[in-house]
Amino acid sequence: MKKLLALFLMLTLVFSLTACGSGSTEPETPADGGEEGEKKIKVGAIFNNTYEEFSIKLKAGIEKACAENGYELIEADHNGDNSKGVNDVENMINMKVDCLILWIFSDELYKDVIERAREAGILVLAVDSAIESTEIDGFVTNDHYQVGYDQAEMLAEGIGGEGEVIVITSPPGTCMTERQEGALDCFAKYPGITVFEVYDEGDKGREGYTTTCENAMLAHPDAKALWAVCADNGLGAVAAANSHGDSFKDILICAGDCSNECAAAIKEGTMYCGYSLMPTNLAYQTVGLIERGLNGEKLGQVEFEGAMYTQENIDEFTD
């Protein structure tokens, strides 16, 4: 009996030593797959749309910058449907993102949900279009008033400070409103310029802008210039002018967002000029604020300049 007990104790000791050594040769794999268990920063990005060239570049820039920084990125596109956009923010809160990047319009509709996000400890950053209905942590943008002003200045000089000018206006409460304010203030300096404001809701894209611009040109056939609030607006104006043969071939068109297509139109002479908002730079600047904000730094508003392009420098266009 004593021999059996001794054998049992010996076997128990052997198994115990084997079990203790079994997990000591390899380190544990972190549950989340990160290095040594470090939690990845989770970023939620919400886009008003992802079909315009500006938004395509903005989205691609955010994706690339997040990947380079090792952030986990979750994206949502509400395609102009703000009720869906609000739900997207709610979903991001439930997914416990660390940061929200918002490219949205009509921000008053998002006020409550943005406040809930910040109460949950989420860093909230806006890009391109301001959020003024409630407090956020940071905002990266161009000076849109100056963008519109510079567009108008270029057109005013192009027509010698005299003549009729069509200005396409947008719904209130967006960055494009700031551009048109800059344009109208600039044109007001020229006593020889008469401005005709023509409203476009902006919800039908380039097709809608084409119709609006065509109607405006037909209503004001002596107009020497057309100020376009964005790239699709400018390209719509070019399409409208081209559809009438030589009737509007001399009208100077300037777009408030120089896309690749706008750059091509400037090269061929169907568009006079365009101001690039540099969306890739916007994206990188915004993502670059995330860790600073999460570390408690006060961010505020960050503005930077884009660039005006004409036939003289269009070969330098990169963004």
Protein backbone atom coordinates (compact mmCIF):
# COMPACT_ATOMS: atom_id res chain seq x y z
CA MET A 1 0.00 0.00 0.00
CA LYS A 2 2.84 2.35 0.91
CA LYS A 3 4.57 1.57 -2.42
CA LEU A 4 1.38 2.43 -4.35
CA LEU A 5 1.01 5.70 -2.46
CA ALA A 6 4.61 6.66 -3.17
CA LEU A 7 4.15 5.89 -6.88
CA PHE A 8 0.97 7.99 -6.97
CA LEU A 9 2.74 10.96 -5.35
CA MET A 10 5.65 10.69 -7.80
CA LEU A 11 3.36 10.68 -10.82
CA THR A 12 1.42 13.66 -9.43
CA LEU A 13 4.67 15.64 -9.07
CA VAL A 14 5.75 14.81 -12.64
CA PHE A 15 2.42 15.94 -14.13
CA SER A 16 2.50 19.09 -12.02
CA LEU A 17 5.97 20.06 -13.25
CA THR A 18 5.00 19.33 -16.85
CA ALA A 19 1.91 21.55 -16.57
CA CYS A 20 3.89 24.41 -15.05
CA GLY A 21 6.43 24.31 -17.84
CA SER A 22 3.93 24.02 -20.69
CA GLY A 23 3.02 27.74 -20.85
CA SER A 24 6.43 29.20 -20.09
CA THR A 25 8.11 28.72 -23.46
CA GLU A 26 5.90 31.12 -25.55
CA PRO A 27 4.46 34.57 -24.65
CA GLU A 28 0.70 34.99 -24.48
CA THR A 29 -0.96 36.43 -27.59
CA PRO A 30 -2.83 39.67 -26.74
CA ALA A 31 -6.59 39.23 -26.91
CA ASP A 32 -6.97 42.09 -29.40
CA GLY A 33 -4.02 41.09 -31.58
CA GLY A 34 -2.06 44.26 -30.78
CA GLU A 35 1.55 44.45 -29.70
CA GLU A 36 1.93 43.36 -26.07
CA GLY A 37 -1.77 43.87 -25.49
CA GLU A 38 -1.79 47.54 -26.51
CA LYS A 39 -5.30 48.65 -27.47
CA LYS A 40 -5.70 50.14 -30.94
CA ILE A 41 -7.21 53.60 -31.23
CA LYS A 42 -10.63 53.18 -32.83
CA VAL A 43 -11.69 55.96 -35.22
CA GLY A 44 -15.16 56.49 -36.68
CA ALA A 45 -15.40 58.61 -39.85
CA ILE A 46 -18.77 59.82 -41.17
CA PHE A 47 -19.10 61.33 -44.64
CA ASN A 48 -21.90 63.41 -46.13
CA ASN A 49 -21.24 61.52 -49.38
CA THR A 50 -18.49 59.56 -51.07
CA TYR A 51 -19.24 60.19 -54.74
CA GLU A 52 -17.78 63.68 -55.29
CA GLU A 53 -14.10 63.78 -56.16
CA PHE A 54 -13.44 65.93 -53.07
CA SER A 55 -15.06 63.36 -50.78
CA ILE A 56 -13.35 60.45 -52.53
CA LYS A 57 -9.96 62.06 -51.89
CA LEU A 58 -10.90 63.01 -48.33
CA LYS A 59 -12.02 59.44 -47.58
CA ALA A 60 -8.93 57.89 -49.17
CA GLY A 61 -6.68 60.29 -47.24
CA ILE A 62 -8.31 59.43 -43.90
CA GLU A 63 -8.03 55.70 -44.66
CA LYS A 64 -4.35 55.98 -45.57
CA ALA A 65 -3.46 58.22 -42.61
CA CYS A 66 -5.26 55.91 -40.15
CA ALA A 67 -3.52 52.85 -41.60
CA GLU A 68 -0.12 54.54 -41.30
CA ASN A 69 -0.83 55.36 -37.65
CA GLY A 70 -2.11 51.87 -36.84
CA TYR A 71 -5.65 53.06 -36.04
CA GLU A 72 -8.72 50.91 -36.48
CA LEU A 73 -11.11 52.77 -38.82
CA ILE A 74 -14.89 52.39 -39.10
CA GLU A 75 -16.60 54.40 -41.87
CA ALA A 76 -20.15 55.43 -42.73
CA ASP A 77 -21.59 57.39 -45.68
CA HIS A 78 -25.09 58.84 -45.30
CA ASN A 79 -25.27 60.26 -48.86
CA GLY A 80 -26.93 63.51 -47.81
CA ASP A 81 -29.52 61.76 -45.62
CA ASN A 82 -28.91 63.48 -42.29
CA SER A 83 -31.30 61.24 -40.35
CA LYS A 84 -29.11 58.30 -41.39
CA GLY A 85 -26.06 60.35 -40.47
CA VAL A 86 -27.39 60.87 -36.95
CA ASN A 87 -27.99 57.10 -36.67
CA ASP A 88 -24.42 56.53 -37.88
CA VAL A 89 -23.11 58.67 -35.02
CA GLU A 90 -25.28 56.70 -32.56
CA ASN A 91 -23.82 53.46 -33.90
CA MET A 92 -20.28 54.78 -33.50
CA ILE A 93 -21.03 55.68 -29.87
CA ASN A 94 -22.31 52.14 -29.27
CA MET A 95 -19.17 50.73 -30.89
CA LYS A 96 -17.14 52.76 -28.37
CA VAL A 97 -14.94 54.58 -30.85
CA ASP A 98 -12.23 56.77 -29.36
CA CYS A 99 -12.60 59.53 -31.96
CA LEU A 100 -15.22 60.71 -34.44
CA ILE A 101 -14.27 62.52 -37.65
CA LEU A 102 -17.32 64.26 -39.08
CA TRP A 103 -17.73 65.68 -42.58
CA ILE A 104 -21.35 66.72 -42.29
CA PHE A 105 -23.70 69.54 -43.25
CA SER A 106 -26.80 70.83 -41.42
CA ASP A 107 -25.00 70.26 -38.15
CA GLU A 108 -27.95 71.52 -36.04
CA LEU A 109 -29.55 68.10 -36.61
CA TYR A 110 -26.52 66.43 -35.02
CA LYS A 111 -26.35 68.60 -31.90
CA ASP A 112 -27.81 66.14 -29.38
CA VAL A 113 -25.96 63.08 -30.63
CA ILE A 114 -22.63 64.96 -30.77
CA GLU A 115 -23.14 66.02 -27.17
CA ARG A 116 -23.83 62.39 -26.21
CA ALA A 117 -20.62 61.34 -27.96
CA ARG A 118 -18.55 63.86 -26.02
CA GLU A 119 -20.25 62.86 -22.75
CA ALA A 120 -19.12 59.30 -23.54
CA GLY A 121 -15.53 60.57 -23.72
CA ILE A 122 -15.27 60.46 -27.51
CA LEU A 123 -13.01 63.01 -29.21
CA VAL A 124 -15.07 64.83 -31.88
CA LEU A 125 -13.31 66.41 -34.87
CA ALA A 126 -14.92 68.21 -37.83
CA VAL A 127 -13.29 68.46 -41.23
CA ASP A 128 -13.97 71.03 -43.98
CA SER A 129 -17.47 72.08 -42.85
CA ALA A 130 -17.90 73.70 -39.41
CA ILE A 131 -20.04 72.38 -36.56
CA GLU A 132 -21.42 75.42 -34.76
CA SER A 133 -24.52 74.03 -33.02
CA THR A 134 -22.49 72.63 -30.12
CA GLU A 135 -18.94 72.42 -28.81
CA ILE A 136 -16.50 69.99 -30.42
CA ASP A 137 -12.82 69.26 -29.85
CA GLY A 138 -11.21 70.30 -33.12
CA PHE A 139 -11.88 71.55 -36.65
CA VAL A 140 -9.61 71.38 -39.71
CA THR A 141 -10.57 73.56 -42.66
CA ASN A 142 -9.70 76.08 -45.31
CA ASP A 143 -10.69 79.72 -44.84
CA HIS A 144 -13.79 79.32 -47.01
CA TYR A 145 -14.61 83.03 -46.98
CA GLN A 146 -11.16 83.72 -48.43
CA VAL A 147 -11.57 80.90 -50.96
CA GLY A 148 -14.72 82.55 -52.33
CA TYR A 149 -13.12 85.98 -52.22
CA ASP A 150 -10.06 84.79 -54.17
CA GLN A 151 -12.26 83.14 -56.79
CA ALA A 152 -14.20 86.37 -57.27
CA GLU A 153 -11.02 88.44 -57.43
CA MET A 154 -9.66 86.24 -60.19
CA LEU A 155 -12.90 86.56 -62.20
CA ALA A 156 -13.15 90.31 -61.61
CA GLU A 157 -9.63 90.80 -62.95
CA GLY A 158 -10.40 88.48 -65.86
CA ILE A 159 -13.33 90.65 -67.03
CA GLY A 160 -11.52 93.92 -66.41
CA GLY A 161 -13.68 94.86 -63.41
CA GLU A 162 -16.81 95.40 -65.49
CA GLY A 163 -19.81 93.37 -66.64
CA GLU A 164 -22.48 90.98 -65.42
CA VAL A 165 -21.51 88.06 -63.17
CA ILE A 166 -23.61 85.04 -62.18
CA VAL A 167 -23.07 83.77 -58.63
CA ILE A 168 -24.49 80.33 -57.79
CA THR A 169 -25.59 80.36 -54.15
CA SER A 170 -26.14 77.43 -51.77
CA PRO A 171 -28.31 76.49 -48.80
CA PRO A 172 -27.39 78.27 -45.55
CA GLY A 173 -25.29 76.68 -42.85
CA THR A 174 -22.52 75.14 -44.95
CA CYS A 175 -18.92 75.98 -45.82
CA MET A 176 -20.16 76.90 -49.29
CA THR A 177 -22.21 79.72 -47.79
CA GLU A 178 -19.00 81.20 -46.44
CA ARG A 179 -17.46 81.02 -49.91
CA GLN A 180 -20.36 82.90 -51.49
CA GLU A 181 -20.17 85.59 -48.77
CA GLY A 182 -16.52 86.11 -49.66
CA ALA A 183 -17.38 86.27 -53.36
CA LEU A 184 -20.19 88.81 -52.91
CA ASP A 185 -18.00 91.04 -50.72
CA CYS A 186 -15.27 90.98 -53.34
CA PHE A 187 -17.55 91.77 -56.29
CA ALA A 188 -19.09 94.62 -54.25
CA LYS A 189 -15.74 96.44 -54.51
CA TYR A 190 -16.21 96.82 -58.25
CA PRO A 191 -18.80 99.46 -59.20
CA GLY A 192 -18.74 98.23 -62.80
CA ILE A 193 -19.79 94.67 -61.89
CA THR A 194 -23.44 93.64 -61.63
CA VAL A 195 -24.09 90.40 -59.74
CA PHE A 196 -27.01 88.05 -60.34
CA GLU A 197 -27.45 85.48 -57.57
CA VAL A 198 -28.98 82.17 -58.63
CA TYR A 199 -29.88 79.60 -55.98
CA ASP A 200 -29.20 75.87 -56.22
CA GLU A 201 -30.17 73.43 -53.46
CA GLY A 202 -27.09 71.35 -54.24
CA ASP A 203 -28.90 68.05 -53.71
CA LYS A 204 -28.92 66.88 -57.34
CA GLY A 205 -25.19 66.98 -57.93
CA ARG A 206 -23.68 67.95 -61.25
CA GLU A 207 -26.85 67.26 -63.20
CA GLY A 208 -28.76 69.74 -61.05
CA TYR A 209 -26.01 72.33 -61.29
CA THR A 210 -25.93 71.96 -65.07
CA THR A 211 -29.64 72.79 -65.30
CA THR A 212 -29.30 75.72 -62.89
CA CYS A 213 -26.32 77.16 -64.76
CA GLU A 214 -27.95 76.72 -68.16
CA ASN A 215 -31.08 78.54 -66.99
CA ALA A 216 -28.95 81.29 -65.46
CA MET A 217 -26.95 81.78 -68.66
CA LEU A 218 -30.08 81.91 -70.79
CA ALA A 219 -31.63 84.43 -68.38
CA HIS A 220 -28.45 86.55 -68.41
CA PRO A 221 -26.93 86.04 -71.88
CA ASP A 222 -24.56 89.00 -71.47
CA ALA A 223 -22.90 87.60 -68.36
CA LYS A 224 -19.12 87.62 -68.65
CA ALA A 225 -18.38 85.32 -65.73
CA LEU A 226 -19.93 82.61 -63.58
CA TRP A 227 -18.79 82.00 -60.00
CA ALA A 228 -19.31 78.34 -59.07
CA VAL A 229 -19.41 77.28 -55.43
CA CYS A 230 -17.83 73.81 -55.87
CA ALA A 231 -16.33 71.44 -58.43
CA ASP A 232 -19.60 69.84 -59.56
CA ASN A 233 -21.07 73.34 -59.90
CA GLY A 234 -18.16 74.47 -62.06
CA LEU A 235 -18.27 71.35 -64.23
CA GLY A 236 -22.04 71.72 -64.56
CA ALA A 237 -21.47 75.28 -65.79
CA VAL A 238 -18.93 74.04 -68.34
CA ALA A 239 -21.39 71.40 -69.58
CA ALA A 240 -24.15 74.00 -69.87
CA ALA A 241 -21.93 76.41 -71.80
CA ASN A 242 -20.68 73.67 -74.14
CA SER A 243 -24.24 72.58 -74.94
CA HIS A 244 -24.95 75.95 -76.61
CA GLY A 245 -22.15 76.01 -79.13
CA ASP A 246 -20.42 79.39 -79.29
CA SER A 247 -23.14 81.30 -77.42
CA PHE A 248 -21.37 81.09 -74.06
CA LYS A 249 -17.85 80.14 -75.13
CA ASP A 250 -16.37 83.34 -73.71
CA ILE A 251 -17.94 83.17 -70.25
CA LEU A 252 -15.29 82.80 -67.54
CA ILE A 253 -16.06 80.01 -65.06
CA CYS A 254 -14.31 79.54 -61.73
CA ALA A 255 -14.92 76.52 -59.46
CA GLY A 256 -14.61 76.63 -55.68
CA ASP A 257 -12.96 73.24 -55.50
CA CYS A 258 -10.46 72.29 -58.17
CA SER A 259 -10.88 68.58 -58.83
CA ASN A 260 -8.97 66.51 -61.40
CA GLU A 261 -11.80 67.10 -63.89
CA CYS A 262 -11.69 70.82 -63.21
CA ALA A 263 -7.94 70.76 -63.77
CA ALA A 264 -8.51 69.08 -67.16
CA ALA A 265 -11.14 71.72 -68.05
CA ILE A 266 -8.73 74.51 -67.11
CA LYS A 267 -6.04 72.93 -69.31
CA GLU A 268 -8.37 72.80 -72.31
CA GLY A 269 -9.65 76.32 -71.68
CA THR A 270 -13.30 75.57 -70.94
CA MET A 271 -12.85 76.60 -67.29
CA TYR A 272 -11.03 79.80 -66.36
CA CYS A 273 -9.75 78.87 -62.90
CA GLY A 274 -10.36 76.72 -59.82
CA TYR A 275 -9.38 76.78 -56.16
CA SER A 276 -8.11 73.49 -54.75
CA LEU A 277 -9.15 72.77 -51.14
CA MET A 278 -6.50 70.01 -51.03
CA PRO A 279 -8.68 67.26 -49.45
CA THR A 280 -5.80 64.81 -48.98
CA ASN A 281 -4.01 67.39 -46.87
CA LEU A 282 -7.24 68.04 -44.96
CA ALA A 283 -7.45 64.33 -44.18
CA TYR A 284 -3.88 64.03 -42.93
CA GLN A 285 -4.13 67.20 -40.87
CA THR A 286 -7.29 65.88 -39.18
CA VAL A 287 -5.95 62.41 -38.41
CA GLY A 288 -2.79 64.07 -37.11
CA LEU A 289 -4.82 65.71 -34.32
CA ILE A 290 -6.22 62.47 -32.88
CA GLU A 291 -3.50 61.45 -30.43
CA ARG A 292 -2.93 65.05 -29.37
CA GLY A 293 -6.64 65.40 -28.60
CA LEU A 294 -6.83 62.08 -26.78
CA ASN A 295 -3.88 63.20 -24.66
CA GLY A 296 -5.90 66.19 -23.49
CA GLU A 297 -4.43 68.91 -25.71
CA LYS A 298 -6.75 71.79 -26.62
CA LEU A 299 -7.06 71.70 -30.40
CA GLY A 300 -9.46 74.42 -31.57
CA GLN A 301 -9.60 75.39 -35.26
CA VAL A 302 -6.78 74.67 -37.69
CA GLU A 303 -6.84 76.56 -41.00
CA PHE A 304 -4.52 76.21 -43.96
CA GLU A 305 -4.41 77.60 -47.47
CA GLY A 306 -5.25 75.71 -50.62
CA ALA A 307 -4.18 76.98 -54.04
CA MET A 308 -5.68 78.78 -57.02
CA TYR A 309 -5.05 77.21 -60.41
CA THR A 310 -5.19 78.79 -63.86
CA GLN A 311 -3.74 77.80 -67.20
CA GLU A 312 -0.46 79.37 -66.05
CA ASN A 313 0.13 76.90 -63.22
CA ILE A 314 -2.29 74.02 -63.84
CA ASP A 315 0.60 71.67 -64.70
CA GLU A 316 1.58 71.92 -61.02
CA PHE A 317 -1.83 70.63 -59.85
CA THR A 318 -1.47 67.62 -57.56
CA ASP A 319 -4.54 67.45 -55.32
